[in-house]
Amino acid sequence: MPVKNKKKGIYCLEGLWNHQDIKDKSTVLPILDLLEKRNYCDYIYHDCATKEELEFFLDKWTRLSVSNKYPILYFAFHGEEGSIFFTNKKKYTLDELGDFLEGKCFGKVIYFGSCSTLKIDKRIIKSFLEKTGAIAAIGYKTDVDWIQSTACDLFVFEALQEDKLDSKGIDNIHKKIISNYGNLHRILDLRVVINDRVHIPRKRK
C-alpha cells in the first residue's frame, strides 16, 4: 500500500477561457485553493495570454529551486490535438513545448487540463517525454466539460500526492485513479502516459 510522500507542489499556468469577454472570471484557482487549504500541497499560479508570457513563466519553473518543490506542471488552457492555445488563432504545440523544456523536466509530471491535447499518437507523447525528461504526461483525449474535467483535475492532483514520481509510483497512481474515482476518467477519456526510459542524472558527491 503506497504511503503519502512529501508534498508535491503544483505550478499552474492558465490561459483565457473566454477570448471574447474580458469580464469572464472562469478559473481553476478554486481547486488549487482547496488543495492548499486542505494541506495536500502548495501551488504557484500565473495566467498567460501570450506565448511570451507562457515561456517567461515556464523559464521560472525550470529553475530547480522551483521545479523540485512544484514538480507538477499544470496547463489549464483550451486545447486541441497536440496543442494548447491562447486564442483560436494562436496555438502552442507539443513540439514547441518539448523544444522549450528539453532536458528540464526530470522526475516531473506534466498535466494538460485542456480538451483533446493528448489525442495523438502515443509515440509522439513518448518522444515528448524522452526529450523533456518528464516522468509522465497526463491529459484528455476528448473535448471535456468544464465542471467534470475540473473535478477530475482535483482527483488526479490528490492521487499524485500518494506515491513517488517515478514509473512505478505513477503506475500506482494511475491504478488509484481508475479504482477510486468511478467512471469519470472513462467519461473524459483521461490518458496517462509514463516515460519508462527516463534517466534522472545523479548529483556528484
Protein backbone atom coordinates (compact mmCIF):
# COMPACT_ATOMS: atom_id res chain seq x y z
CA MET A 1 0.00 0.00 0.00
CA PRO A 2 1.65 3.27 -1.07
CA VAL A 3 2.31 5.81 1.64
CA LYS A 4 1.94 9.54 1.22
CA ASN A 5 5.24 11.21 0.39
CA LYS A 6 6.24 14.80 0.91
CA LYS A 7 4.00 17.40 -0.66
CA LYS A 8 4.31 17.77 -4.43
CA GLY A 9 3.51 21.34 -5.34
CA ILE A 10 1.59 22.38 -8.44
CA TYR A 11 2.86 25.05 -10.84
CA CYS A 12 -0.20 26.20 -12.74
CA LEU A 13 -0.25 28.24 -15.92
CA GLU A 14 -3.75 29.21 -17.05
CA GLY A 15 -4.97 30.71 -20.31
CA LEU A 16 -8.05 32.75 -21.10
CA TRP A 17 -11.25 30.70 -21.11
CA ASN A 18 -13.33 33.29 -22.95
CA HIS A 19 -11.37 35.11 -25.60
CA GLN A 20 -14.25 37.46 -26.40
CA ASP A 21 -15.37 38.51 -22.92
CA ILE A 22 -12.63 40.03 -20.77
CA LYS A 23 -15.07 40.12 -17.83
CA ASP A 24 -15.25 36.34 -17.74
CA LYS A 25 -13.98 35.11 -14.36
CA SER A 26 -13.60 31.40 -15.11
CA THR A 27 -10.51 29.97 -13.42
CA VAL A 28 -9.13 26.78 -11.90
CA LEU A 29 -7.89 28.69 -8.85
CA PRO A 30 -10.64 27.33 -6.52
CA ILE A 31 -9.37 23.75 -6.84
CA LEU A 32 -5.81 24.87 -6.14
CA ASP A 33 -7.00 26.83 -3.11
CA LEU A 34 -8.89 23.76 -1.89
CA LEU A 35 -5.83 21.53 -2.16
CA GLU A 36 -3.69 24.05 -0.32
CA LYS A 37 -6.25 24.77 2.41
CA ARG A 38 -6.76 21.04 2.98
CA ASN A 39 -2.95 20.73 3.32
CA TYR A 40 -2.48 18.41 0.34
CA CYS A 41 0.04 20.60 -1.45
CA ASP A 42 1.10 24.16 -2.21
CA TYR A 43 0.84 25.87 -5.56
CA ILE A 44 2.12 28.71 -7.70
CA TYR A 45 -0.28 30.24 -10.22
CA HIS A 46 0.14 32.56 -13.21
CA ASP A 47 -2.23 33.46 -16.02
CA CYS A 48 -0.84 33.65 -19.53
CA ALA A 49 -2.45 35.33 -22.52
CA THR A 50 0.51 35.10 -24.92
CA LYS A 51 3.32 32.75 -25.92
CA GLU A 52 5.83 35.20 -24.46
CA GLU A 53 4.12 35.17 -21.07
CA LEU A 54 3.89 31.38 -21.11
CA GLU A 55 7.58 30.94 -21.87
CA PHE A 56 8.54 33.56 -19.30
CA PHE A 57 6.80 31.66 -16.52
CA LEU A 58 7.97 28.27 -17.84
CA ASP A 59 11.52 29.55 -17.64
CA LYS A 60 10.94 30.48 -13.99
CA TRP A 61 9.62 26.98 -13.30
CA THR A 62 12.62 25.22 -14.85
CA ARG A 63 14.90 26.51 -12.11
CA LEU A 64 15.48 23.52 -9.84
CA SER A 65 14.76 25.55 -6.72
CA VAL A 66 11.22 25.95 -8.09
CA SER A 67 10.50 22.75 -10.05
CA ASN A 68 11.76 20.46 -7.28
CA LYS A 69 9.19 21.97 -4.91
CA TYR A 70 6.48 22.17 -7.59
CA PRO A 71 7.05 19.07 -9.74
CA ILE A 72 3.52 19.02 -11.20
CA LEU A 73 3.32 21.37 -14.18
CA TYR A 74 -0.36 22.11 -14.84
CA PHE A 75 -1.53 23.67 -18.11
CA ALA A 76 -5.11 24.96 -17.77
CA PHE A 77 -5.93 26.05 -21.31
CA HIS A 78 -8.23 25.45 -24.21
CA GLY A 79 -6.74 22.79 -26.43
CA GLU A 80 -6.93 20.52 -29.42
CA GLU A 81 -4.97 17.52 -30.68
CA GLY A 82 -1.29 18.10 -29.90
CA SER A 83 -1.72 21.73 -28.81
CA ILE A 84 -2.90 24.19 -26.23
CA PHE A 85 -3.97 27.60 -27.41
CA PHE A 86 -4.24 31.21 -26.30
CA THR A 87 -6.86 32.21 -28.88
CA ASN A 88 -8.48 30.36 -31.75
CA LYS A 89 -5.63 31.51 -33.99
CA LYS A 90 -2.65 31.32 -31.64
CA LYS A 91 -1.55 27.85 -30.56
CA TYR A 92 1.39 26.32 -28.71
CA THR A 93 2.18 22.83 -29.91
CA LEU A 94 3.58 19.87 -28.03
CA ASP A 95 6.63 20.10 -30.30
CA GLU A 96 7.24 23.73 -29.28
CA LEU A 97 6.77 22.85 -25.63
CA GLY A 98 9.18 19.93 -25.97
CA ASP A 99 11.81 22.14 -27.55
CA PHE A 100 11.47 24.77 -24.81
CA LEU A 101 11.57 22.22 -21.96
CA GLU A 102 14.19 19.91 -23.44
CA GLY A 103 16.12 18.17 -20.67
CA LYS A 104 14.50 20.29 -17.94
CA CYS A 105 11.72 18.08 -16.57
CA PHE A 106 13.44 15.07 -14.98
CA GLY A 107 11.17 13.48 -12.41
CA LYS A 108 8.33 15.90 -13.15
CA VAL A 109 4.73 15.35 -14.26
CA ILE A 110 3.14 17.44 -16.99
CA TYR A 111 -0.64 17.70 -16.73
CA PHE A 112 -2.75 19.05 -19.57
CA GLY A 113 -6.10 20.29 -18.28
CA SER A 114 -7.19 21.01 -21.84
CA CYS A 115 -9.51 19.48 -24.42
CA SER A 116 -8.04 16.73 -26.62
CA THR A 117 -4.36 17.72 -26.30
CA LEU A 118 -3.30 14.09 -25.79
CA LYS A 119 -5.49 12.72 -28.59
CA ILE A 120 -2.38 11.98 -30.60
CA ASP A 121 -0.17 9.01 -31.42
CA LYS A 122 1.34 7.59 -28.24
CA ARG A 123 4.75 7.58 -29.89
CA ILE A 124 4.62 11.37 -30.16
CA ILE A 125 3.89 11.65 -26.44
CA LYS A 126 6.68 9.20 -25.62
CA SER A 127 9.08 11.23 -27.75
CA PHE A 128 7.99 14.39 -25.90
CA LEU A 129 8.62 12.71 -22.55
CA GLU A 130 12.05 11.44 -23.58
CA LYS A 131 13.02 14.87 -24.88
CA THR A 132 11.96 16.74 -21.76
CA GLY A 133 12.81 14.01 -19.24
CA ALA A 134 9.34 14.20 -17.67
CA ILE A 135 8.19 11.02 -15.95
CA ALA A 136 4.61 11.26 -17.24
CA ALA A 137 2.14 13.24 -19.32
CA ILE A 138 -1.48 13.24 -18.18
CA GLY A 139 -4.41 14.78 -20.02
CA TYR A 140 -7.56 14.30 -22.04
CA LYS A 141 -8.19 12.64 -25.39
CA THR A 142 -11.54 14.33 -25.99
CA ASP A 143 -13.35 17.64 -25.61
CA VAL A 144 -14.33 17.84 -21.97
CA ASP A 145 -16.99 19.50 -19.85
CA TRP A 146 -15.69 22.29 -17.58
CA ILE A 147 -17.17 21.01 -14.29
CA GLN A 148 -16.38 17.35 -14.92
CA SER A 149 -12.82 17.99 -16.04
CA THR A 150 -12.17 20.36 -13.13
CA ALA A 151 -13.37 17.67 -10.74
CA CYS A 152 -11.12 15.13 -12.47
CA ASP A 153 -8.15 17.51 -12.24
CA LEU A 154 -8.75 17.75 -8.49
CA PHE A 155 -8.89 13.96 -8.11
CA VAL A 156 -5.70 13.46 -10.11
CA PHE A 157 -3.78 16.06 -8.11
CA GLU A 158 -4.91 14.38 -4.89
CA ALA A 159 -3.80 10.99 -6.24
CA LEU A 160 -0.41 12.36 -7.28
CA GLN A 161 0.34 13.06 -3.62
CA GLU A 162 0.07 9.35 -2.79
CA ASP A 163 3.21 7.91 -4.32
CA LYS A 164 6.62 8.69 -5.76
CA LEU A 165 7.01 10.42 -9.11
CA ASP A 166 8.77 7.54 -10.81
CA SER A 167 7.46 4.95 -13.28
CA LYS A 168 6.29 2.55 -10.56
CA GLY A 169 4.77 5.33 -8.49
CA ILE A 170 2.89 6.81 -11.46
CA ASP A 171 1.59 3.34 -12.34
CA ASN A 172 0.25 3.00 -8.78
CA ILE A 173 -1.28 6.47 -9.01
CA HIS A 174 -2.93 5.57 -12.32
CA LYS A 175 -4.46 2.45 -10.77
CA LYS A 176 -5.77 4.58 -7.89
CA ILE A 177 -7.43 6.97 -10.34
CA ILE A 178 -9.10 4.05 -12.11
CA SER A 179 -10.26 2.28 -8.95
CA ASN A 180 -11.19 5.16 -6.64
CA TYR A 181 -12.90 7.78 -8.77
CA GLY A 182 -15.68 5.94 -10.55
CA ASN A 183 -16.13 6.29 -14.30
CA LEU A 184 -15.03 9.91 -14.57
CA HIS A 185 -11.71 9.01 -16.17
CA ARG A 186 -13.55 6.95 -18.80
CA ILE A 187 -16.17 9.63 -19.48
CA LEU A 188 -13.42 12.20 -20.05
CA ASP A 189 -11.02 9.78 -21.76
CA LEU A 190 -8.21 10.64 -19.37
CA ARG A 191 -4.83 9.43 -20.58
CA VAL A 192 -1.72 8.67 -18.54
CA VAL A 193 1.49 8.06 -20.49
CA ILE A 194 4.54 7.03 -18.47
CA ASN A 195 8.15 7.56 -19.50
CA ASP A 196 9.71 4.15 -18.91
CA ARG A 197 13.08 5.28 -20.25
CA VAL A 198 13.62 8.29 -18.05
CA HIS A 199 17.09 8.68 -16.63
CA ILE A 200 17.48 11.15 -13.80
CA PRO A 201 21.06 12.46 -13.64
CA ARG A 202 22.72 11.74 -10.32
CA LYS A 203 24.33 14.50 -8.36
CA ARG A 204 28.03 14.16 -7.85
CA LYS A 205 29.11 13.50 -4.28
